[in-house]
Amino acid sequence: MSGSAAKQKALEAIEKLPADATLEDAIERLVLLAKIERGLAELDAGKGIDHTEAKRRLLR
């Protein structure tokens, strides 16, 4: 994602926060978005695991 696209997504996420949101709320939202973007990029690169494997790992 380009720098300007990332900045736009961050601004949109912050604008959607409730009026009484704290700075910590904004940071948590941005960290979550970053993790989602990273996960989607990994899936696009074929680095993900299938549902069965994920379930097996969680049930250990």
Protein backbone atom coordinates (compact mmCIF):
# COMPACT_ATOMS: atom_id res chain seq x y z
CA MET A 1 0.00 0.00 0.00
CA SER A 2 1.36 3.41 -0.89
CA GLY A 3 2.12 5.94 1.80
CA SER A 4 -0.78 8.17 0.81
CA ALA A 5 -3.23 5.23 0.76
CA ALA A 6 -2.05 4.13 4.21
CA LYS A 7 -2.39 7.67 5.53
CA GLN A 8 -5.92 7.93 4.12
CA LYS A 9 -6.92 4.62 5.74
CA ALA A 10 -5.48 5.77 9.08
CA LEU A 11 -7.36 9.07 8.90
CA GLU A 12 -10.62 7.29 8.06
CA ALA A 13 -10.18 4.87 10.96
CA ILE A 14 -9.55 7.73 13.37
CA GLU A 15 -12.51 9.73 12.08
CA LYS A 16 -14.80 6.73 12.74
CA LEU A 17 -13.84 6.60 16.43
CA PRO A 18 -16.43 7.89 18.89
CA ALA A 19 -16.07 11.48 20.05
CA ASP A 20 -14.95 10.36 23.50
CA ALA A 21 -12.20 8.04 22.18
CA THR A 22 -8.81 8.33 23.82
CA LEU A 23 -5.42 8.46 22.20
CA GLU A 24 -4.95 4.85 23.31
CA ASP A 25 -8.17 3.90 21.48
CA ALA A 26 -6.81 5.47 18.29
CA ILE A 27 -3.48 3.68 18.65
CA GLU A 28 -5.19 0.33 19.25
CA ARG A 29 -7.34 0.83 16.15
CA LEU A 30 -4.30 1.67 14.01
CA VAL A 31 -2.33 -1.32 15.33
CA LEU A 32 -5.27 -3.60 14.55
CA LEU A 33 -5.51 -2.23 11.01
CA ALA A 34 -1.76 -2.72 10.52
CA LYS A 35 -2.00 -6.33 11.67
CA ILE A 36 -4.93 -6.99 9.34
CA GLU A 37 -3.03 -5.47 6.40
CA ARG A 38 0.04 -7.58 7.23
CA GLY A 39 -2.08 -10.73 7.45
CA LEU A 40 -3.80 -10.06 4.14
CA ALA A 41 -0.43 -9.44 2.48
CA GLU A 42 0.86 -12.75 3.85
CA LEU A 43 -2.19 -14.56 2.51
CA ASP A 44 -1.72 -12.93 -0.89
CA ALA A 45 1.88 -14.16 -0.83
CA GLY A 46 0.73 -17.71 -0.08
CA LYS A 47 2.11 -17.68 3.45
CA GLY A 48 -1.16 -18.45 5.21
CA ILE A 49 -2.34 -21.73 6.67
CA ASP A 50 -5.64 -23.40 5.98
CA HIS A 51 -8.52 -23.63 8.43
CA THR A 52 -7.80 -27.24 9.40
CA GLU A 53 -4.19 -26.47 10.30
CA ALA A 54 -5.18 -23.35 12.27
CA LYS A 55 -7.74 -25.36 14.22
CA ARG A 56 -5.19 -28.13 14.89
CA ARG A 57 -2.70 -25.58 16.27
CA LEU A 58 -5.29 -23.97 18.51
CA LEU A 59 -6.40 -27.28 19.95
CA ARG A 60 -2.92 -28.38 21.05
